[in-house]
C-alpha cells in the first residue's frame, strides 16, 4: 500500500479515466476505480498492479443513479486514504435538443452535473478539515462555446467549469486544490455515444496527450487547464473581460439602454 494519497477516479474503465489511472499508478498512488464496466476495470487494475505494485479497489457504480452516487459518497467520506478525486464520468447524447427525450436529458444532467457536484460535496469537508486534497473536474471547451451546438452537453460542462472556479475560490484558502480540465475533441468513446465517427472529426487529440497535459496543469496548480489552447493570453483576456463587467452589475437602476422602448 502506498504512503501517497489514494486517487478515486470516476469513469475509470476507459478513455480519460483509464489514462488518469495509469498515470497516477505510475506516480505510485493507490487507486479506487469507479465505473459501470467491472470487466474492463479488472483488466486495467490487473495490469496496473503488476506494473506498479500498488493497491487498487474497484467500485461498480452507475453515477446516473442516485443510489450508486450515494455509495461512492460514503466511500469518499469514510476512506481517509483518498486525497484526490477525479470527477471524470460523463457522456453526451446523439442529435440536437429537439431530438432528445426529456428522460434522456435528465439522465445526462444527473451524470454530468449532479454526480460530480455530490461527490465533491461529499469529500470537500474532509479535505478542508485536513487542509489538503485535490478535486479535478473534467469539463469541456464546449461549455464555453454554444456555437458548437451541443446544447445540453455544453450546458453541463459550463456548470462543471463554474463549479470548479467557485470551489477553488472557497476551498483554496483552506489548502484544497480544485482544477477544471477543459478538453476539446479527444479520441474517446464519447463520440460513439453522440452518434459520430471520431475519424471524421478534425483536430482530435489522443487521450494520453490530453491527460499528460492536464497533469502538467495539475502539478502547476492551475485552476483552469485547457490543453489544446496555444495562447494562454486569450484565456486571460476572456477572464479580464468577465471581471471588468463585475463592478457594473451592482446597479439600483436599469441601464440607460433599457429605459426607453424600441
Protein backbone atom coordinates (compact mmCIF):
# COMPACT_ATOMS: atom_id res chain seq x y z
CA UNK A 1 0.00 0.00 0.00
CA UNK A 2 1.34 3.41 -1.00
CA UNK A 3 2.07 6.16 1.52
CA UNK A 4 0.86 8.69 -1.05
CA UNK A 5 -2.81 9.74 -1.06
CA UNK A 6 -5.10 7.37 -2.91
CA UNK A 7 -6.90 8.64 -6.02
CA UNK A 8 -10.57 7.94 -6.72
CA UNK A 9 -11.37 8.16 -10.43
CA UNK A 10 -14.87 8.03 -11.88
CA UNK A 11 -15.44 6.79 -15.41
CA UNK A 12 -12.26 4.80 -14.90
CA UNK A 13 -12.91 1.86 -17.22
CA UNK A 14 -11.84 3.56 -20.44
CA UNK A 15 -10.73 6.79 -22.08
CA UNK A 16 -9.63 9.74 -19.97
CA UNK A 17 -10.36 7.96 -16.69
CA UNK A 18 -8.29 4.91 -17.59
CA UNK A 19 -5.31 7.06 -18.58
CA UNK A 20 -5.57 9.04 -15.35
CA UNK A 21 -5.46 5.68 -13.55
CA UNK A 22 -2.36 4.68 -15.48
CA UNK A 23 -0.58 7.96 -14.81
CA UNK A 24 -1.35 8.14 -11.09
CA UNK A 25 -0.38 4.48 -10.74
CA UNK A 26 2.98 5.29 -12.32
CA UNK A 27 3.33 8.06 -9.73
CA UNK A 28 2.90 5.46 -7.00
CA UNK A 29 -0.65 6.23 -5.84
CA UNK A 30 -3.16 3.59 -4.79
CA UNK A 31 -6.39 3.82 -6.76
CA UNK A 32 -10.13 3.48 -6.36
CA UNK A 33 -11.67 2.88 -9.79
CA UNK A 34 -15.36 3.68 -10.27
CA UNK A 35 -17.39 2.79 -13.37
CA UNK A 36 -20.15 0.54 -14.63
CA UNK A 37 -17.96 -1.90 -16.54
CA UNK A 38 -16.31 -4.15 -13.95
CA UNK A 39 -14.64 -6.41 -16.52
CA UNK A 40 -12.75 -3.51 -18.06
CA UNK A 41 -11.74 -2.15 -14.66
CA UNK A 42 -10.50 -5.55 -13.56
CA UNK A 43 -8.34 -5.84 -16.67
CA UNK A 44 -6.92 -2.36 -16.14
CA UNK A 45 -6.34 -2.99 -12.43
CA UNK A 46 -4.53 -6.27 -13.06
CA UNK A 47 -2.08 -4.57 -15.39
CA UNK A 48 -1.52 -1.56 -13.14
CA UNK A 49 -0.99 -3.70 -10.04
CA UNK A 50 1.58 -5.81 -11.85
CA UNK A 51 3.43 -2.82 -13.30
CA UNK A 52 3.38 -0.54 -10.27
CA UNK A 53 2.84 -2.66 -7.14
CA UNK A 54 0.01 -0.51 -5.86
CA UNK A 55 -3.35 -1.32 -4.27
CA UNK A 56 -6.44 -0.89 -6.42
CA UNK A 57 -10.07 -1.16 -5.36
CA UNK A 58 -12.91 -1.46 -7.86
CA UNK A 59 -16.36 0.04 -7.24
CA UNK A 60 -19.15 -0.76 -9.68
CA UNK A 61 -21.41 2.27 -9.95
CA UNK A 62 -23.70 3.95 -12.46
CA UNK A 63 -23.41 7.60 -11.47
CA UNK A 64 -26.64 8.49 -13.21
CA UNK A 65 -28.35 6.53 -10.41
CA UNK A 66 -28.73 8.25 -7.04
CA UNK A 67 -28.20 5.07 -5.03
CA UNK A 68 -24.86 4.42 -6.72
CA UNK A 69 -23.77 8.03 -6.24
CA UNK A 70 -24.58 7.65 -2.54
CA UNK A 71 -22.38 4.53 -2.38
CA UNK A 72 -19.40 6.46 -3.75
CA UNK A 73 -20.15 9.42 -1.48
CA UNK A 74 -19.93 7.11 1.52
CA UNK A 75 -16.55 5.83 0.34
CA UNK A 76 -15.24 9.38 -0.11
CA UNK A 77 -16.36 10.43 3.37
CA UNK A 78 -15.08 7.36 5.17
CA UNK A 79 -11.84 6.46 3.39
CA UNK A 80 -9.26 8.91 4.68
CA UNK A 81 -6.62 7.44 2.37
CA UNK A 82 -8.33 9.15 -0.59
CA UNK A 83 -6.70 12.53 -1.16
CA UNK A 84 -7.55 13.12 -4.82
CA UNK A 85 -10.94 12.95 -6.55
CA UNK A 86 -11.03 12.84 -10.35
CA UNK A 87 -14.59 13.64 -11.47
CA UNK A 88 -14.34 12.26 -14.98
CA UNK A 89 -17.51 10.21 -15.62
CA UNK A 90 -19.75 11.75 -18.23
CA UNK A 91 -21.35 11.29 -21.62
CA UNK A 92 -23.33 13.05 -24.33
CA UNK A 93 -26.44 12.41 -26.40
CA UNK A 94 -26.95 11.98 -30.13
CA UNK A 95 -28.89 14.53 -32.11
CA UNK A 96 -29.99 18.05 -31.27
CA UNK A 97 -32.08 19.30 -28.36
CA UNK A 98 -35.26 18.72 -30.37
CA UNK A 99 -34.27 15.07 -30.89
CA UNK A 100 -33.51 14.33 -27.24
CA UNK A 101 -36.23 12.94 -24.97
CA UNK A 102 -36.75 14.69 -21.62
CA UNK A 103 -35.81 11.48 -19.77
CA UNK A 104 -32.50 11.30 -21.67
CA UNK A 105 -31.78 14.94 -20.90
CA UNK A 106 -32.49 14.38 -17.20
CA UNK A 107 -30.19 11.35 -17.09
CA UNK A 108 -27.40 13.26 -18.84
CA UNK A 109 -27.70 16.11 -16.33
CA UNK A 110 -27.67 13.62 -13.45
CA UNK A 111 -24.45 12.02 -14.68
CA UNK A 112 -22.61 15.12 -15.91
CA UNK A 113 -23.54 17.63 -13.21
CA UNK A 114 -25.38 16.18 -10.22
CA UNK A 115 -22.96 13.31 -9.62
CA UNK A 116 -19.73 15.34 -9.71
CA UNK A 117 -21.26 18.06 -7.53
CA UNK A 118 -22.41 15.49 -4.98
CA UNK A 119 -19.08 13.68 -4.92
CA UNK A 120 -17.22 16.96 -4.47
CA UNK A 121 -19.64 17.89 -1.69
CA UNK A 122 -19.02 14.54 0.00
CA UNK A 123 -15.25 14.87 0.11
CA UNK A 124 -14.67 18.64 0.38
CA UNK A 125 -15.41 18.94 4.13
CA UNK A 126 -12.88 16.21 4.92
CA UNK A 127 -10.27 17.79 2.65
CA UNK A 128 -10.88 21.24 4.14
CA UNK A 129 -10.55 19.92 7.68
CA UNK A 130 -7.27 18.20 6.76
CA UNK A 131 -6.00 21.27 4.93
CA UNK A 132 -5.08 19.22 1.88
CA UNK A 133 -6.57 17.31 -1.03
CA UNK A 134 -7.40 17.87 -4.68
CA UNK A 135 -10.55 17.75 -6.79
CA UNK A 136 -10.16 17.52 -10.56
CA UNK A 137 -13.29 18.08 -12.64
CA UNK A 138 -13.31 17.19 -16.34
CA UNK A 139 -15.24 19.92 -18.12
CA UNK A 140 -15.00 20.83 -21.84
CA UNK A 141 -14.37 23.76 -24.12
CA UNK A 142 -17.89 23.07 -25.42
CA UNK A 143 -19.12 24.70 -22.20
CA UNK A 144 -17.59 27.98 -23.38
CA UNK A 145 -18.94 27.91 -26.92
CA UNK A 146 -22.71 27.47 -27.51
CA UNK A 147 -21.97 27.82 -31.21
CA UNK A 148 -20.73 24.23 -31.18
CA UNK A 149 -24.40 23.27 -30.95
CA UNK A 150 -24.26 20.57 -28.28
CA UNK A 151 -26.75 22.40 -26.09
CA UNK A 152 -27.37 20.19 -23.08
CA UNK A 153 -23.91 18.62 -23.02
CA UNK A 154 -22.33 22.06 -23.29
CA UNK A 155 -24.54 23.38 -20.50
CA UNK A 156 -23.46 20.55 -18.20
CA UNK A 157 -19.81 21.30 -18.91
CA UNK A 158 -20.33 25.03 -18.34
CA UNK A 159 -21.72 24.04 -14.93
CA UNK A 160 -18.60 21.98 -14.19
CA UNK A 161 -16.29 24.86 -15.08
CA UNK A 162 -18.24 27.30 -12.90
CA UNK A 163 -18.43 24.77 -10.07
CA UNK A 164 -14.68 24.30 -10.20
CA UNK A 165 -13.95 28.02 -10.19
CA UNK A 166 -16.32 28.58 -7.29
CA UNK A 167 -14.85 25.70 -5.30
CA UNK A 168 -11.32 26.92 -5.89
CA UNK A 169 -12.31 30.34 -4.52
CA UNK A 170 -13.99 28.74 -1.49
CA UNK A 171 -11.55 25.94 -0.75
CA UNK A 172 -8.21 27.19 -2.00
CA UNK A 173 -7.52 29.19 1.15
CA UNK A 174 -8.21 26.02 3.16
CA UNK A 175 -5.47 24.08 1.39
CA UNK A 176 -7.71 22.25 -1.10
CA UNK A 177 -6.77 22.45 -4.78
CA UNK A 178 -9.52 22.40 -7.42
CA UNK A 179 -8.76 22.08 -11.13
CA UNK A 180 -11.10 22.19 -14.11
CA UNK A 181 -9.73 20.48 -17.22
CA UNK A 182 -11.30 21.62 -20.49
CA UNK A 183 -10.55 19.22 -23.34
CA UNK A 184 -11.57 19.87 -26.91
CA UNK A 185 -12.06 16.95 -29.31
CA UNK A 186 -10.36 13.92 -27.73
CA UNK A 187 -10.28 10.35 -29.01
CA UNK A 188 -12.64 8.64 -26.56
CA UNK A 189 -15.83 6.60 -26.80
CA UNK A 190 -17.99 9.68 -26.16
CA UNK A 191 -18.16 10.26 -29.91
CA UNK A 192 -19.97 6.97 -30.48
CA UNK A 193 -22.38 7.89 -27.66
CA UNK A 194 -23.20 11.01 -29.64
CA UNK A 195 -23.63 9.07 -32.87
CA UNK A 196 -20.49 10.48 -34.53
CA UNK A 197 -17.46 8.88 -36.14
CA UNK A 198 -14.39 10.28 -34.39
CA UNK A 199 -12.30 9.66 -37.51
CA UNK A 200 -14.34 12.30 -39.36
CA UNK A 201 -13.59 14.99 -36.74
CA UNK A 202 -10.64 17.32 -37.43
CA UNK A 203 -8.10 18.18 -34.76
CA UNK A 204 -8.71 15.23 -32.42
CA UNK A 205 -6.22 14.92 -29.55
CA UNK A 206 -5.11 11.49 -28.37
CA UNK A 207 -6.27 10.78 -24.84
CA UNK A 208 -2.77 10.11 -23.50
CA UNK A 209 -1.60 13.54 -24.64
CA UNK A 210 -4.69 15.17 -23.13
CA UNK A 211 -4.16 13.62 -19.70
CA UNK A 212 -0.42 14.25 -19.69
CA UNK A 213 -1.04 17.93 -20.45
CA UNK A 214 -3.76 18.08 -17.78
CA UNK A 215 -1.29 16.67 -15.25
CA UNK A 216 1.22 19.39 -16.11
CA UNK A 217 -1.53 21.84 -15.19
CA UNK A 218 -2.25 19.80 -12.06
CA UNK A 219 1.37 19.94 -10.95
CA UNK A 220 1.42 23.69 -11.60
CA UNK A 221 -1.79 24.04 -9.56
CA UNK A 222 -3.69 25.73 -12.39
CA UNK A 223 -7.35 26.45 -11.66
CA UNK A 224 -8.25 26.10 -15.35
CA UNK A 225 -6.31 23.85 -17.74
CA UNK A 226 -7.14 23.94 -21.47
CA UNK A 227 -4.67 21.54 -23.12
CA UNK A 228 -5.41 22.47 -26.77
CA UNK A 229 -5.27 26.27 -26.29
CA UNK A 230 -1.97 27.57 -27.77
CA UNK A 231 -2.23 31.14 -26.44
CA UNK A 232 -2.95 31.40 -22.72
CA UNK A 233 -3.32 35.14 -23.24
CA UNK A 234 -6.67 34.50 -24.91
CA UNK A 235 -7.98 32.87 -21.73
CA UNK A 236 -6.51 35.67 -19.64
CA UNK A 237 -8.24 38.26 -21.85
CA UNK A 238 -11.54 36.35 -21.50
CA UNK A 239 -11.15 36.33 -17.74
CA UNK A 240 -10.24 40.02 -17.64
CA UNK A 241 -13.30 40.95 -19.72
CA UNK A 242 -15.55 38.95 -17.39
CA UNK A 243 -14.10 40.55 -14.27
CA UNK A 244 -14.33 44.02 -15.82
CA UNK A 245 -18.11 43.62 -16.03
CA UNK A 246 -18.46 42.65 -12.38
CA UNK A 247 -18.50 46.16 -10.82
CA UNK A 248 -21.13 47.26 -13.34
CA UNK A 249 -23.63 44.62 -12.23
CA UNK A 250 -24.29 46.37 -8.89
CA UNK A 251 -26.77 48.97 -10.13
CA UNK A 252 -30.02 50.02 -8.49
CA UNK A 253 -31.50 51.09 -11.84
CA UNK A 254 -31.66 49.52 -15.27
CA UNK A 255 -29.01 50.54 -17.75
CA UNK A 256 -29.85 53.59 -19.87
CA UNK A 257 -30.41 51.46 -23.00
CA UNK A 258 -33.36 49.73 -21.30
CA UNK A 259 -35.15 52.89 -20.13
CA UNK A 260 -36.86 53.55 -23.41
CA UNK A 261 -38.88 51.23 -25.60
CA UNK A 262 -37.86 50.50 -29.16
